[in-house]
Each structure stands twice: as C-alpha cells, then as structure tokens.
Amino acid sequence: MLSKPANAQRAPTANRRRQRNKITYTPAPLPAEGFVRLPSVLGVLGVSKSTFLNGVKEGKYPAGTLLSPRCRVWPVADIRALLDKIGGA
C-alpha cells in the first residue's frame, strides 16, 4: 500500500472550503491631525478609488506615505489643503 507524504494536502471540495477572514477598514471622519487611510480619504473627497489613484498618478492628488508594503496613509494636513484647493477653485 502506498502512503502519502507527511506534507501532502487534500484538494478542497465544495463543502470543505475554508472561511476567509477578510479584514475591512471602515472610513472615519478626518481627525484634527495625524494620518488617514484610503477609505477615509475617499469618503471625504467623494471620488472613487480608481479616480483617486489616477489623480495621484497625474499629480492632482497627494501620493501619501507607505507604512508597510500594503498600507498607505495620507497626512490629514495634505488632505485638508487639497480640500481647500478644490473648494477655492
């Protein structure tokens, strides 16, 4: 009889799928100072994610700062300056 190696895994079947714990970030209003993540920026500006990211590429919006390879934040001061610029235009 053939035995399976110790590191062999079974293929997932329809009834044995693992639940994925998806972490979501709820947008919050702008704080007095500090940094905010993308959902908060999008909520304040009222634009879609793709519109905002295209604006970052074009230089229309600030680029933000990477905290880690997958987490980018924007200084509240930059977002407030952007809102003043947009409101004054």
Foldseek 3Di string as FASTA:
>chain_A
DDDDDPPDDDDDDPVRDDDDDDDDDDADAQDPWDKDFDVVLCVVVVDDPVVVVVCCVVVLAPPADDPDPPTGIHISVRSVVSVVVVVVD
